[in-house]
Amino acid sequence: MRRCQLAGCFLLILSFFAAAPSAHAWGCKGHQAVALIAENHLTPHAREVALSILAAVPIDPALPRYCGPNNDPFADASTWPDDIRKMRPETAPWHFIDIPRGARRADIAKYCPAQEGPPGPRQGEPGAKDGCVIAALTDEMRVLRNSAASPQARADALRFLIHFVGDIHQPLHASTNNDLGGNCVPVTFFGRAPTEFTPGSGAFNPNLHEVWDVEILERLSPGESSSEVANALNQKFAARIPAWQSLPADFAGWAWESHELAETISYGRLPHPLPIEEPRVMTACPNIGDPAAYNRMLKIEENLSDNYQNAAAPVVEEQIAKAGARLAALLNSLFP
C-alpha cells in the first residue's frame, strides 16, 4: 500500500486508499520484500522468462506511482496493482477475500463472489467483475500458462500474481468482522490515538488493517530498505523455505491459513476482544447512516503497544517470507 516518512503521511495514505478499504497489504516495503525474496529463489530460466515478460511491456512512466519506481523489475511490479486500481476499479475485489469470523473452512467458496450476467471477461482482464484473491490468482496463472496470450496480458498477469501472492498472506486480507478486514476498527498504536478522516465517516486512522499493512513491519525495520528486509528474512527462514516451496500451490488453503492467523492474532490478541458479528454485506465503514454500528465503533478502545507488537511481529515476518517462497515456487513451475 505505501511507505513514506511516518510523520505527516497517514492522512495522505488513507485519503489515497479510502475508496476501497481492505484492498492493500504489506505496504511498499512489505510487497517489495515479498518480490525480492521470490526473485532470490527463482531458477535462472524462470527469472529470465519472467524478466522478459515484464520488459516486453514496461509500466507506463506517466502512471502515478505511490511507492515510486524501483530499479528492480520484480519489486517495481509488486506495487503496480495498487497504482492502477483507480483506473481499473473492477480489480479492487481481487486483492482480498472477506471470510467472516466464525466461518467454516468448507464454506470458503461462498465468500468469493462469481461474476454475474452473460459470459464476459475473465478475472484478470479489463471489464471483469467481482471475484476475490483466490480466483484472481487462479486466473493470472491461466494467462501466464497461455503462450498465445498477448504480451500486455502476460505482463499484467505477472504483476498481478506478484502482488496478489503478497496480499493473500496478509491475515486481514482473508478475514472480516463486518469491518472490511479491520479497516473500520479504530486503534491506538503506541500512543497515537485514532482520528476520523471526515467527521461522521466511521473511517479512522490508525485502524487495525493499516497497522497490519504497514506499522508492525515498520516498527520491526525502522529505516531499513525493502532489500534489507528481504535479505534478513531470507536468512532467518532459510531452513524453512524449502519445505514451503515443496508443497503444491493451494490458494484456498493459503487464504484459510491467513484467516486463522487473523482470528488467533490480528483479532485474537486485541486487548479488548471484539465479539464475532453476524455477517452482512459491507461496502464502507459504518457512518452516521448506521447509528448502531457507528456508535459501536466509536466505543472501541484498542490500545496496541508492546504486547500486541510482540505477538504480531513474528506472524508478519513469517507471512512475508512464506509469500516470497511460495511466489518463487509458482514462477518456477510456470517457467520450468
C-alpha atoms as a PDB file:
ATOM      1  CA  MET A   1       0.000   0.000   0.000  1.00  0.00           C
ATOM      2  CA  ARG A   2       2.563   2.562   0.971  1.00  0.00           C
ATOM      3  CA  ARG A   3       5.590   3.627   2.921  1.00  0.00           C
ATOM      4  CA  CYS A   4       6.564   7.225   3.435  1.00  0.00           C
ATOM      5  CA  GLN A   5       8.041   9.068   6.372  1.00  0.00           C
ATOM      6  CA  LEU A   6       5.815   8.348   9.359  1.00  0.00           C
ATOM      7  CA  ALA A   7       5.297  11.956  10.339  1.00  0.00           C
ATOM      8  CA  GLY A   8       2.626  13.566   8.243  1.00  0.00           C
ATOM      9  CA  CYS A   9       1.985  10.738   5.802  1.00  0.00           C
ATOM     10  CA  PHE A  10      -1.019   8.996   7.322  1.00  0.00           C
ATOM     11  CA  LEU A  11      -3.724  11.316   6.025  1.00  0.00           C
ATOM     12  CA  LEU A  12      -2.237  11.089   2.563  1.00  0.00           C
ATOM     13  CA  ILE A  13      -2.120   7.321   2.800  1.00  0.00           C
ATOM     14  CA  LEU A  14      -5.686   6.842   3.825  1.00  0.00           C
ATOM     15  CA  SER A  15      -7.149   9.514   1.551  1.00  0.00           C
ATOM     16  CA  PHE A  16      -5.436   7.755  -1.346  1.00  0.00           C
ATOM     17  CA  PHE A  17      -6.900   4.352  -0.481  1.00  0.00           C
ATOM     18  CA  ALA A  18     -10.137   5.202   1.319  1.00  0.00           C
ATOM     19  CA  ALA A  19     -12.233   4.480  -1.767  1.00  0.00           C
ATOM     20  CA  ALA A  20     -11.645   0.743  -1.440  1.00  0.00           C
ATOM     21  CA  PRO A  21     -10.728  -0.454   2.044  1.00  0.00           C
ATOM     22  CA  SER A  22      -9.350  -3.928   2.618  1.00  0.00           C
ATOM     23  CA  ALA A  23      -7.541  -3.873  -0.721  1.00  0.00           C
ATOM     24  CA  HIS A  24      -3.877  -3.421   0.154  1.00  0.00           C
ATOM     25  CA  ALA A  25      -1.352  -5.455   2.067  1.00  0.00           C
ATOM     26  CA  TRP A  26       2.116  -5.038   3.493  1.00  0.00           C
ATOM     27  CA  GLY A  27       2.787  -1.515   2.194  1.00  0.00           C
ATOM     28  CA  CYS A  28       5.583  -0.641  -0.192  1.00  0.00           C
ATOM     29  CA  LYS A  29       8.294  -2.225   1.915  1.00  0.00           C
ATOM     30  CA  GLY A  30       6.435  -5.479   2.530  1.00  0.00           C
ATOM     31  CA  HIS A  31       5.266  -6.052  -1.042  1.00  0.00           C
ATOM     32  CA  GLN A  32       8.711  -5.310  -2.415  1.00  0.00           C
ATOM     33  CA  ALA A  33      10.294  -7.646   0.143  1.00  0.00           C
ATOM     34  CA  VAL A  34       7.978 -10.471  -0.983  1.00  0.00           C
ATOM     35  CA  ALA A  35       9.039  -9.918  -4.596  1.00  0.00           C
ATOM     36  CA  LEU A  36      12.735  -9.742  -3.733  1.00  0.00           C
ATOM     37  CA  ILE A  37      12.597 -12.910  -1.629  1.00  0.00           C
ATOM     38  CA  ALA A  38      10.901 -14.674  -4.532  1.00  0.00           C
ATOM     39  CA  GLU A  39      13.499 -13.408  -7.000  1.00  0.00           C
ATOM     40  CA  ASN A  40      16.242 -14.839  -4.804  1.00  0.00           C
ATOM     41  CA  HIS A  41      14.719 -18.328  -5.128  1.00  0.00           C
ATOM     42  CA  LEU A  42      13.945 -18.396  -8.843  1.00  0.00           C
ATOM     43  CA  THR A  43      15.736 -20.757 -11.177  1.00  0.00           C
ATOM     44  CA  PRO A  44      17.887 -18.923 -13.732  1.00  0.00           C
ATOM     45  CA  HIS A  45      15.460 -19.854 -16.520  1.00  0.00           C
ATOM     46  CA  ALA A  46      12.357 -18.762 -14.608  1.00  0.00           C
ATOM     47  CA  ARG A  47      13.987 -15.454 -13.756  1.00  0.00           C
ATOM     48  CA  GLU A  48      14.970 -14.894 -17.382  1.00  0.00           C
ATOM     49  CA  VAL A  49      11.463 -15.611 -18.668  1.00  0.00           C
ATOM     50  CA  ALA A  50       9.752 -13.503 -16.008  1.00  0.00           C
ATOM     51  CA  LEU A  51      12.063 -10.559 -16.639  1.00  0.00           C
ATOM     52  CA  SER A  52      11.451 -10.808 -20.383  1.00  0.00           C
ATOM     53  CA  ILE A  53       7.676 -10.720 -19.828  1.00  0.00           C
ATOM     54  CA  LEU A  54       7.974  -7.604 -17.670  1.00  0.00           C
ATOM     55  CA  ALA A  55      10.416  -5.928 -20.065  1.00  0.00           C
ATOM     56  CA  ALA A  56       8.187  -6.557 -23.094  1.00  0.00           C
ATOM     57  CA  VAL A  57       5.514  -4.181 -21.727  1.00  0.00           C
ATOM     58  CA  PRO A  58       7.070  -1.714 -19.276  1.00  0.00           C
ATOM     59  CA  ILE A  59       4.970   0.142 -16.736  1.00  0.00           C
ATOM     60  CA  ASP A  60       3.718   3.414 -18.165  1.00  0.00           C
ATOM     61  CA  PRO A  61       6.168   6.075 -16.920  1.00  0.00           C
ATOM     62  CA  ALA A  62       3.262   8.546 -16.727  1.00  0.00           C
ATOM     63  CA  LEU A  63       1.442   6.354 -14.178  1.00  0.00           C
ATOM     64  CA  PRO A  64       1.492   7.945 -10.709  1.00  0.00           C
ATOM     65  CA  ARG A  65       3.419   5.537  -8.502  1.00  0.00           C
ATOM     66  CA  TYR A  66       2.577   5.682  -4.819  1.00  0.00           C
ATOM     67  CA  CYS A  67       5.713   3.816  -3.799  1.00  0.00           C
ATOM     68  CA  GLY A  68       7.786   5.373  -6.539  1.00  0.00           C
ATOM     69  CA  PRO A  69       9.551   3.348  -9.253  1.00  0.00           C
ATOM     70  CA  ASN A  70      12.010   0.684  -8.135  1.00  0.00           C
ATOM     71  CA  ASN A  71      15.091  -0.291 -10.128  1.00  0.00           C
ATOM     72  CA  ASP A  72      14.403  -3.980  -9.561  1.00  0.00           C
ATOM     73  CA  PRO A  73      11.666  -5.095 -12.020  1.00  0.00           C
ATOM     74  CA  PHE A  74      10.174  -7.596  -9.560  1.00  0.00           C
ATOM     75  CA  ALA A  75       9.997  -5.092  -6.728  1.00  0.00           C
ATOM     76  CA  ASP A  76       8.612  -2.488  -9.127  1.00  0.00           C
ATOM     77  CA  ALA A  77       5.933  -4.915 -10.346  1.00  0.00           C
ATOM     78  CA  SER A  78       4.881  -5.752  -6.796  1.00  0.00           C
ATOM     79  CA  THR A  79       3.174  -2.407  -6.153  1.00  0.00           C
ATOM     80  CA  TRP A  80       1.770  -1.683  -9.634  1.00  0.00           C
ATOM     81  CA  PRO A  81      -1.639  -3.351  -8.982  1.00  0.00           C
ATOM     82  CA  ASP A  82      -2.357  -0.800  -6.248  1.00  0.00           C
ATOM     83  CA  ASP A  83      -1.415   2.075  -8.541  1.00  0.00           C
ATOM     84  CA  ILE A  84      -3.820   1.084 -11.326  1.00  0.00           C
ATOM     85  CA  ARG A  85      -6.799   0.326  -9.088  1.00  0.00           C
ATOM     86  CA  LYS A  86      -8.465   3.702  -9.644  1.00  0.00           C
ATOM     87  CA  MET A  87      -8.189   3.293 -13.410  1.00  0.00           C
ATOM     88  CA  ARG A  88      -9.382  -0.317 -13.241  1.00  0.00           C
ATOM     89  CA  PRO A  89     -11.898  -0.392 -10.374  1.00  0.00           C
ATOM     90  CA  GLU A  90     -13.008  -3.887 -11.353  1.00  0.00           C
ATOM     91  CA  THR A  91      -9.721  -5.127  -9.903  1.00  0.00           C
ATOM     92  CA  ALA A  92     -10.445  -3.878  -6.360  1.00  0.00           C
ATOM     93  CA  PRO A  93     -12.083  -7.123  -5.094  1.00  0.00           C
ATOM     94  CA  TRP A  94      -9.215  -9.222  -6.421  1.00  0.00           C
ATOM     95  CA  HIS A  95      -6.887  -8.168  -3.579  1.00  0.00           C
ATOM     96  CA  PHE A  96      -8.709  -9.951  -0.735  1.00  0.00           C
ATOM     97  CA  ILE A  97     -11.358 -12.427   0.338  1.00  0.00           C
ATOM     98  CA  ASP A  98     -13.668 -11.382   3.155  1.00  0.00           C
ATOM     99  CA  ILE A  99     -14.123 -14.626   5.090  1.00  0.00           C
ATOM    100  CA  PRO A 100     -16.317 -13.793   8.097  1.00  0.00           C
ATOM    101  CA  ARG A 101     -15.069 -14.592  11.548  1.00  0.00           C
ATOM    102  CA  GLY A 102     -16.688 -17.812  12.671  1.00  0.00           C
ATOM    103  CA  ALA A 103     -16.940 -19.208   9.130  1.00  0.00           C
ATOM    104  CA  ARG A 104     -16.212 -22.834   8.309  1.00  0.00           C
ATOM    105  CA  ARG A 105     -13.321 -23.903   6.068  1.00  0.00           C
ATOM    106  CA  ALA A 106     -15.769 -25.889   3.942  1.00  0.00           C
ATOM    107  CA  ASP A 107     -17.727 -22.722   3.082  1.00  0.00           C
ATOM    108  CA  ILE A 108     -14.813 -20.670   1.782  1.00  0.00           C
ATOM    109  CA  ALA A 109     -16.123 -20.695  -1.810  1.00  0.00           C
ATOM    110  CA  LYS A 110     -19.198 -18.739  -0.672  1.00  0.00           C
ATOM    111  CA  TYR A 111     -17.035 -15.732   0.037  1.00  0.00           C
ATOM    112  CA  CYS A 112     -15.618 -15.371  -3.474  1.00  0.00           C
ATOM    113  CA  PRO A 113     -18.477 -13.827  -5.490  1.00  0.00           C
ATOM    114  CA  ALA A 114     -18.656 -15.114  -9.036  1.00  0.00           C
ATOM    115  CA  GLN A 115     -19.098 -12.828 -12.000  1.00  0.00           C
ATOM    116  CA  GLU A 116     -22.774 -12.336 -12.729  1.00  0.00           C
ATOM    117  CA  GLY A 117     -24.545 -11.890 -16.034  1.00  0.00           C
ATOM    118  CA  PRO A 118     -23.708 -13.219 -19.507  1.00  0.00           C
ATOM    119  CA  PRO A 119     -20.261 -14.597 -20.278  1.00  0.00           C
ATOM    120  CA  GLY A 120     -17.702 -11.816 -20.432  1.00  0.00           C
ATOM    121  CA  PRO A 121     -14.141 -11.006 -19.428  1.00  0.00           C
ATOM    122  CA  ARG A 122     -12.463 -13.411 -17.056  1.00  0.00           C
ATOM    123  CA  GLN A 123     -10.986 -12.161 -13.835  1.00  0.00           C
ATOM    124  CA  GLY A 124      -7.601 -10.698 -14.612  1.00  0.00           C
ATOM    125  CA  GLU A 125      -8.932  -8.993 -17.749  1.00  0.00           C
ATOM    126  CA  PRO A 126     -10.397  -5.492 -18.178  1.00  0.00           C
ATOM    127  CA  GLY A 127     -14.148  -5.459 -17.610  1.00  0.00           C
ATOM    128  CA  ALA A 128     -14.288  -8.454 -15.268  1.00  0.00           C
ATOM    129  CA  LYS A 129     -16.366  -8.038 -12.120  1.00  0.00           C
ATOM    130  CA  ASP A 130     -16.414  -9.286  -8.562  1.00  0.00           C
ATOM    131  CA  GLY A 131     -14.236 -12.237  -7.605  1.00  0.00           C
ATOM    132  CA  CYS A 132     -11.584 -12.431  -4.879  1.00  0.00           C
ATOM    133  CA  VAL A 133      -7.880 -13.020  -4.448  1.00  0.00           C
ATOM    134  CA  ILE A 134      -8.247 -16.815  -4.807  1.00  0.00           C
ATOM    135  CA  ALA A 135      -9.967 -16.503  -8.183  1.00  0.00           C
ATOM    136  CA  ALA A 136      -7.576 -13.737  -9.238  1.00  0.00           C
ATOM    137  CA  LEU A 137      -4.516 -15.875  -8.582  1.00  0.00           C
ATOM    138  CA  THR A 138      -6.073 -18.778 -10.489  1.00  0.00           C
ATOM    139  CA  ASP A 139      -6.816 -16.567 -13.490  1.00  0.00           C
ATOM    140  CA  GLU A 140      -3.397 -14.916 -13.554  1.00  0.00           C
ATOM    141  CA  MET A 141      -1.815 -18.371 -13.618  1.00  0.00           C
ATOM    142  CA  ARG A 142      -4.100 -19.294 -16.518  1.00  0.00           C
ATOM    143  CA  VAL A 143      -2.993 -16.252 -18.508  1.00  0.00           C
ATOM    144  CA  LEU A 144       0.693 -16.903 -17.840  1.00  0.00           C
ATOM    145  CA  ARG A 145       0.345 -20.513 -18.972  1.00  0.00           C
ATOM    146  CA  ASN A 146      -1.224 -19.375 -22.254  1.00  0.00           C
ATOM    147  CA  SER A 147       1.594 -18.813 -24.725  1.00  0.00           C
ATOM    148  CA  ALA A 148      -0.924 -17.248 -27.111  1.00  0.00           C
ATOM    149  CA  ALA A 149      -1.873 -14.503 -24.656  1.00  0.00           C
ATOM    150  CA  SER A 150      -0.801 -11.020 -25.692  1.00  0.00           C
ATOM    151  CA  PRO A 151       2.388  -9.511 -24.232  1.00  0.00           C
ATOM    152  CA  GLN A 152       0.223  -6.940 -22.426  1.00  0.00           C
ATOM    153  CA  ALA A 153      -1.983  -9.630 -20.877  1.00  0.00           C
ATOM    154  CA  ARG A 154       1.018 -11.641 -19.716  1.00  0.00           C
ATOM    155  CA  ALA A 155       2.833  -8.629 -18.253  1.00  0.00           C
ATOM    156  CA  ASP A 156      -0.304  -7.557 -16.396  1.00  0.00           C
ATOM    157  CA  ALA A 157      -0.887 -11.101 -15.160  1.00  0.00           C
ATOM    158  CA  LEU A 158       2.662 -11.432 -13.838  1.00  0.00           C
ATOM    159  CA  ARG A 159       2.467  -8.105 -11.991  1.00  0.00           C
ATOM    160  CA  PHE A 160      -0.891  -9.088 -10.511  1.00  0.00           C
ATOM    161  CA  LEU A 161       0.463 -12.500  -9.491  1.00  0.00           C
ATOM    162  CA  ILE A 162       3.473 -10.997  -7.714  1.00  0.00           C
ATOM    163  CA  HIS A 163       1.203  -8.624  -5.820  1.00  0.00           C
ATOM    164  CA  PHE A 164      -1.674 -10.983  -5.026  1.00  0.00           C
ATOM    165  CA  VAL A 165       0.575 -13.673  -3.547  1.00  0.00           C
ATOM    166  CA  GLY A 166       1.628 -10.989  -1.081  1.00  0.00           C
ATOM    167  CA  ASP A 167      -1.969  -9.944  -0.451  1.00  0.00           C
ATOM    168  CA  ILE A 168      -3.279 -13.428   0.314  1.00  0.00           C
ATOM    169  CA  HIS A 169      -0.659 -13.829   3.057  1.00  0.00           C
ATOM    170  CA  GLN A 170      -1.775 -10.735   4.974  1.00  0.00           C
ATOM    171  CA  PRO A 171      -4.165 -12.145   7.604  1.00  0.00           C
ATOM    172  CA  LEU A 172      -6.667  -9.287   7.374  1.00  0.00           C
ATOM    173  CA  HIS A 173      -6.976  -9.813   3.620  1.00  0.00           C
ATOM    174  CA  ALA A 174      -8.712 -13.091   4.412  1.00  0.00           C
ATOM    175  CA  SER A 175     -10.948 -12.174   7.330  1.00  0.00           C
ATOM    176  CA  THR A 176     -13.599  -9.663   8.309  1.00  0.00           C
ATOM    177  CA  ASN A 177     -15.956  -8.939  11.160  1.00  0.00           C
ATOM    178  CA  ASN A 178     -18.304  -6.523   9.374  1.00  0.00           C
ATOM    179  CA  ASP A 179     -15.323  -4.171   9.444  1.00  0.00           C
ATOM    180  CA  LEU A 180     -13.782  -4.532   5.971  1.00  0.00           C
ATOM    181  CA  GLY A 181     -10.893  -6.595   7.219  1.00  0.00           C
ATOM    182  CA  GLY A 182     -10.212  -4.371  10.199  1.00  0.00           C
ATOM    183  CA  ASN A 183     -10.297  -1.124   8.204  1.00  0.00           C
ATOM    184  CA  CYS A 184     -13.204   0.081  10.352  1.00  0.00           C
ATOM    185  CA  VAL A 185     -11.645  -0.807  13.723  1.00  0.00           C
ATOM    186  CA  PRO A 186     -10.023   2.278  15.283  1.00  0.00           C
ATOM    187  CA  VAL A 187      -6.919   1.551  17.335  1.00  0.00           C
ATOM    188  CA  THR A 188      -4.357   3.478  19.317  1.00  0.00           C
ATOM    189  CA  PHE A 189      -0.916   2.337  18.187  1.00  0.00           C
ATOM    190  CA  PHE A 190       1.968   3.098  20.537  1.00  0.00           C
ATOM    191  CA  GLY A 191       0.241   6.197  21.839  1.00  0.00           C
ATOM    192  CA  ARG A 192      -1.043   7.519  18.503  1.00  0.00           C
ATOM    193  CA  ALA A 193      -4.798   7.844  19.000  1.00  0.00           C
ATOM    194  CA  PRO A 194      -7.235   7.296  16.110  1.00  0.00           C
ATOM    195  CA  THR A 195      -8.945  10.192  14.371  1.00  0.00           C
ATOM    196  CA  GLU A 196     -11.670  10.165  11.738  1.00  0.00           C
ATOM    197  CA  PHE A 197     -10.759  11.171   8.231  1.00  0.00           C
ATOM    198  CA  THR A 198     -14.060  13.012   7.902  1.00  0.00           C
ATOM    199  CA  PRO A 199     -16.299  13.631  10.928  1.00  0.00           C
ATOM    200  CA  GLY A 200     -19.069  11.037  10.966  1.00  0.00           C
ATOM    201  CA  SER A 201     -17.442   8.868   8.288  1.00  0.00           C
ATOM    202  CA  GLY A 202     -16.680   5.944  10.588  1.00  0.00           C
ATOM    203  CA  ALA A 203     -13.239   5.594   8.944  1.00  0.00           C
ATOM    204  CA  PHE A 204     -10.348   6.057  11.355  1.00  0.00           C
ATOM    205  CA  ASN A 205      -6.583   6.259  11.299  1.00  0.00           C
ATOM    206  CA  PRO A 206      -4.850   4.331  12.766  1.00  0.00           C
ATOM    207  CA  ASN A 207      -7.066   1.330  12.175  1.00  0.00           C
ATOM    208  CA  LEU A 208      -6.408  -2.364  12.638  1.00  0.00           C
ATOM    209  CA  HIS A 209      -5.922  -3.097   8.948  1.00  0.00           C
ATOM    210  CA  GLU A 210      -3.461  -0.264   8.424  1.00  0.00           C
ATOM    211  CA  VAL A 211      -1.446  -1.412  11.419  1.00  0.00           C
ATOM    212  CA  TRP A 212      -1.055  -4.846   9.821  1.00  0.00           C
ATOM    213  CA  ASP A 213      -0.388  -3.388   6.383  1.00  0.00           C
ATOM    214  CA  VAL A 214       2.423  -1.120   7.466  1.00  0.00           C
ATOM    215  CA  GLU A 215       3.042  -0.256  11.084  1.00  0.00           C
ATOM    216  CA  ILE A 216       4.059  -3.620  12.530  1.00  0.00           C
ATOM    217  CA  LEU A 217       6.687  -4.150   9.842  1.00  0.00           C
ATOM    218  CA  GLU A 218       7.881  -0.561  10.095  1.00  0.00           C
ATOM    219  CA  ARG A 219       8.500  -0.907  13.842  1.00  0.00           C
ATOM    220  CA  LEU A 220      10.422  -4.101  13.103  1.00  0.00           C
ATOM    221  CA  SER A 221      12.604  -2.454  10.459  1.00  0.00           C
ATOM    222  CA  PRO A 222      12.794   1.305  11.008  1.00  0.00           C
ATOM    223  CA  GLY A 223      14.858   2.975   8.320  1.00  0.00           C
ATOM    224  CA  GLU A 224      15.570  -0.297   6.510  1.00  0.00           C
ATOM    225  CA  SER A 225      15.021  -0.706   2.789  1.00  0.00           C
ATOM    226  CA  SER A 226      12.899  -3.449   1.260  1.00  0.00           C
ATOM    227  CA  SER A 227      16.129  -5.140   0.113  1.00  0.00           C
ATOM    228  CA  GLU A 228      17.460  -5.181   3.659  1.00  0.00           C
ATOM    229  CA  VAL A 229      14.184  -6.624   4.946  1.00  0.00           C
ATOM    230  CA  ALA A 230      14.191  -9.290   2.220  1.00  0.00           C
ATOM    231  CA  ASN A 231      17.781 -10.284   2.951  1.00  0.00           C
ATOM    232  CA  ALA A 232      17.119 -10.520   6.686  1.00  0.00           C
ATOM    233  CA  LEU A 233      14.017 -12.681   6.204  1.00  0.00           C
ATOM    234  CA  ASN A 234      15.806 -14.888   3.682  1.00  0.00           C
ATOM    235  CA  GLN A 235      18.431 -15.627   6.304  1.00  0.00           C
ATOM    236  CA  LYS A 236      16.006 -16.005   9.189  1.00  0.00           C
ATOM    237  CA  PHE A 237      13.767 -18.513   7.381  1.00  0.00           C
ATOM    238  CA  ALA A 238      16.402 -20.227   5.214  1.00  0.00           C
ATOM    239  CA  ALA A 239      15.796 -23.603   6.852  1.00  0.00           C
ATOM    240  CA  ARG A 240      12.025 -23.459   6.320  1.00  0.00           C
ATOM    241  CA  ILE A 241      11.827 -22.052   2.802  1.00  0.00           C
ATOM    242  CA  PRO A 242      12.469 -25.400   1.017  1.00  0.00           C
ATOM    243  CA  ALA A 243       9.533 -27.002   2.839  1.00  0.00           C
ATOM    244  CA  TRP A 244       7.216 -24.126   1.932  1.00  0.00           C
ATOM    245  CA  GLN A 245       8.265 -24.457  -1.701  1.00  0.00           C
ATOM    246  CA  SER A 246       7.857 -28.220  -1.815  1.00  0.00           C
ATOM    247  CA  LEU A 247       4.079 -28.187  -1.311  1.00  0.00           C
ATOM    248  CA  PRO A 248       1.697 -27.718  -4.248  1.00  0.00           C
ATOM    249  CA  ALA A 249       0.022 -24.343  -4.582  1.00  0.00           C
ATOM    250  CA  ASP A 250      -3.276 -24.207  -2.703  1.00  0.00           C
ATOM    251  CA  PHE A 251      -4.746 -20.722  -2.928  1.00  0.00           C
ATOM    252  CA  ALA A 252      -7.815 -21.558  -0.849  1.00  0.00           C
ATOM    253  CA  GLY A 253      -5.554 -23.190   1.729  1.00  0.00           C
ATOM    254  CA  TRP A 254      -3.328 -20.113   1.849  1.00  0.00           C
ATOM    255  CA  ALA A 255      -6.363 -17.896   2.376  1.00  0.00           C
ATOM    256  CA  TRP A 256      -7.669 -20.102   5.178  1.00  0.00           C
ATOM    257  CA  GLU A 257      -4.234 -20.133   6.813  1.00  0.00           C
ATOM    258  CA  SER A 258      -4.292 -16.321   6.794  1.00  0.00           C
ATOM    259  CA  HIS A 259      -7.863 -16.308   8.083  1.00  0.00           C
ATOM    260  CA  GLU A 260      -6.892 -18.444  11.062  1.00  0.00           C
ATOM    261  CA  LEU A 261      -3.963 -16.133  11.827  1.00  0.00           C
ATOM    262  CA  ALA A 262      -6.355 -13.197  11.767  1.00  0.00           C
ATOM    263  CA  GLU A 263      -8.611 -14.993  14.232  1.00  0.00           C
ATOM    264  CA  THR A 264      -5.864 -16.031  16.643  1.00  0.00           C
ATOM    265  CA  ILE A 265      -3.576 -12.991  16.383  1.00  0.00           C
ATOM    266  CA  SER A 266      -4.981  -9.993  14.470  1.00  0.00           C
ATOM    267  CA  TYR A 267      -8.305 -10.144  16.322  1.00  0.00           C
ATOM    268  CA  GLY A 268      -7.424 -12.680  18.979  1.00  0.00           C
ATOM    269  CA  ARG A 269      -4.659 -10.693  20.655  1.00  0.00           C
ATOM    270  CA  LEU A 270      -6.571  -7.421  20.842  1.00  0.00           C
ATOM    271  CA  PRO A 271      -6.651  -6.077  24.416  1.00  0.00           C
ATOM    272  CA  HIS A 272     -10.459  -5.967  24.316  1.00  0.00           C
ATOM    273  CA  PRO A 273     -11.800  -8.976  22.368  1.00  0.00           C
ATOM    274  CA  LEU A 274     -14.348  -7.998  19.745  1.00  0.00           C
ATOM    275  CA  PRO A 275     -17.488 -10.151  19.544  1.00  0.00           C
ATOM    276  CA  ILE A 276     -17.976 -12.104  16.349  1.00  0.00           C
ATOM    277  CA  GLU A 277     -20.618 -10.287  14.300  1.00  0.00           C
ATOM    278  CA  GLU A 278     -23.394 -11.856  12.274  1.00  0.00           C
ATOM    279  CA  PRO A 279     -22.078 -11.449   8.701  1.00  0.00           C
ATOM    280  CA  ARG A 280     -23.664  -8.827   6.464  1.00  0.00           C
ATOM    281  CA  VAL A 281     -22.685  -7.030   3.296  1.00  0.00           C
ATOM    282  CA  MET A 282     -20.368  -4.094   3.937  1.00  0.00           C
ATOM    283  CA  THR A 283     -19.212  -1.634   1.297  1.00  0.00           C
ATOM    284  CA  ALA A 284     -17.968   1.148   3.586  1.00  0.00           C
ATOM    285  CA  CYS A 285     -17.183   1.692   7.226  1.00  0.00           C
ATOM    286  CA  PRO A 286     -20.246   2.407   9.397  1.00  0.00           C
ATOM    287  CA  ASN A 287     -21.227   6.064   9.330  1.00  0.00           C
ATOM    288  CA  ILE A 288     -23.981   8.266  10.697  1.00  0.00           C
ATOM    289  CA  GLY A 289     -26.393   6.452   8.388  1.00  0.00           C
ATOM    290  CA  ASP A 290     -25.905   3.344  10.529  1.00  0.00           C
ATOM    291  CA  PRO A 291     -26.046   4.767  14.077  1.00  0.00           C
ATOM    292  CA  ALA A 292     -25.792   1.451  15.935  1.00  0.00           C
ATOM    293  CA  ALA A 293     -22.690   0.289  14.072  1.00  0.00           C
ATOM    294  CA  TYR A 294     -21.154   3.758  14.115  1.00  0.00           C
ATOM    295  CA  ASN A 295     -21.607   4.130  17.875  1.00  0.00           C
ATOM    296  CA  ARG A 296     -20.197   0.643  18.427  1.00  0.00           C
ATOM    297  CA  MET A 297     -17.043   1.553  16.504  1.00  0.00           C
ATOM    298  CA  LEU A 298     -16.675   4.831  18.387  1.00  0.00           C
ATOM    299  CA  LYS A 299     -16.652   2.936  21.684  1.00  0.00           C
ATOM    300  CA  ILE A 300     -13.820   0.614  20.685  1.00  0.00           C
ATOM    301  CA  GLU A 301     -10.735   1.385  22.750  1.00  0.00           C
ATOM    302  CA  GLU A 302      -7.988  -0.877  21.488  1.00  0.00           C
ATOM    303  CA  ASN A 303      -4.635   0.350  22.745  1.00  0.00           C
ATOM    304  CA  LEU A 304      -1.931  -1.589  20.918  1.00  0.00           C
ATOM    305  CA  SER A 305       1.645  -1.456  22.100  1.00  0.00           C
ATOM    306  CA  ASP A 306       4.407  -3.891  23.070  1.00  0.00           C
ATOM    307  CA  ASN A 307       2.265  -6.927  23.909  1.00  0.00           C
ATOM    308  CA  TYR A 308       0.399  -6.759  20.611  1.00  0.00           C
ATOM    309  CA  GLN A 309       3.501  -5.932  18.574  1.00  0.00           C
ATOM    310  CA  ASN A 310       5.396  -8.846  20.102  1.00  0.00           C
ATOM    311  CA  ALA A 311       2.578 -11.259  19.197  1.00  0.00           C
ATOM    312  CA  ALA A 312       2.047  -9.887  15.689  1.00  0.00           C
ATOM    313  CA  ALA A 313       5.616  -9.247  14.538  1.00  0.00           C
ATOM    314  CA  PRO A 314       6.628 -12.932  14.148  1.00  0.00           C
ATOM    315  CA  VAL A 315       3.477 -13.540  12.094  1.00  0.00           C
ATOM    316  CA  VAL A 316       4.248 -10.613   9.801  1.00  0.00           C
ATOM    317  CA  GLU A 317       7.810 -11.800   9.265  1.00  0.00           C
ATOM    318  CA  GLU A 318       6.829 -15.390   8.566  1.00  0.00           C
ATOM    319  CA  GLN A 319       3.966 -14.499   6.231  1.00  0.00           C
ATOM    320  CA  ILE A 320       6.150 -12.192   4.133  1.00  0.00           C
ATOM    321  CA  ALA A 321       8.886 -14.828   3.921  1.00  0.00           C
ATOM    322  CA  LYS A 322       6.363 -17.548   3.131  1.00  0.00           C
ATOM    323  CA  ALA A 323       4.749 -15.413   0.427  1.00  0.00           C
ATOM    324  CA  GLY A 324       8.114 -14.863  -1.231  1.00  0.00           C
ATOM    325  CA  ALA A 325       8.999 -18.551  -1.111  1.00  0.00           C
ATOM    326  CA  ARG A 326       5.633 -19.621  -2.494  1.00  0.00           C
ATOM    327  CA  LEU A 327       5.742 -16.981  -5.238  1.00  0.00           C
ATOM    328  CA  ALA A 328       9.109 -18.318  -6.356  1.00  0.00           C
ATOM    329  CA  ALA A 329       7.721 -21.853  -6.453  1.00  0.00           C
ATOM    330  CA  LEU A 330       4.780 -20.682  -8.589  1.00  0.00           C
ATOM    331  CA  LEU A 331       7.050 -18.939 -11.092  1.00  0.00           C
ATOM    332  CA  ASN A 332       9.465 -21.865 -11.217  1.00  0.00           C
ATOM    333  CA  SER A 333       6.546 -24.156 -12.044  1.00  0.00           C
ATOM    334  CA  LEU A 334       5.210 -21.767 -14.692  1.00  0.00           C
ATOM    335  CA  PHE A 335       8.571 -21.354 -16.417  1.00  0.00           C
ATOM    336  CA  PRO A 336      10.429 -24.667 -15.951  1.00  0.00           C
END
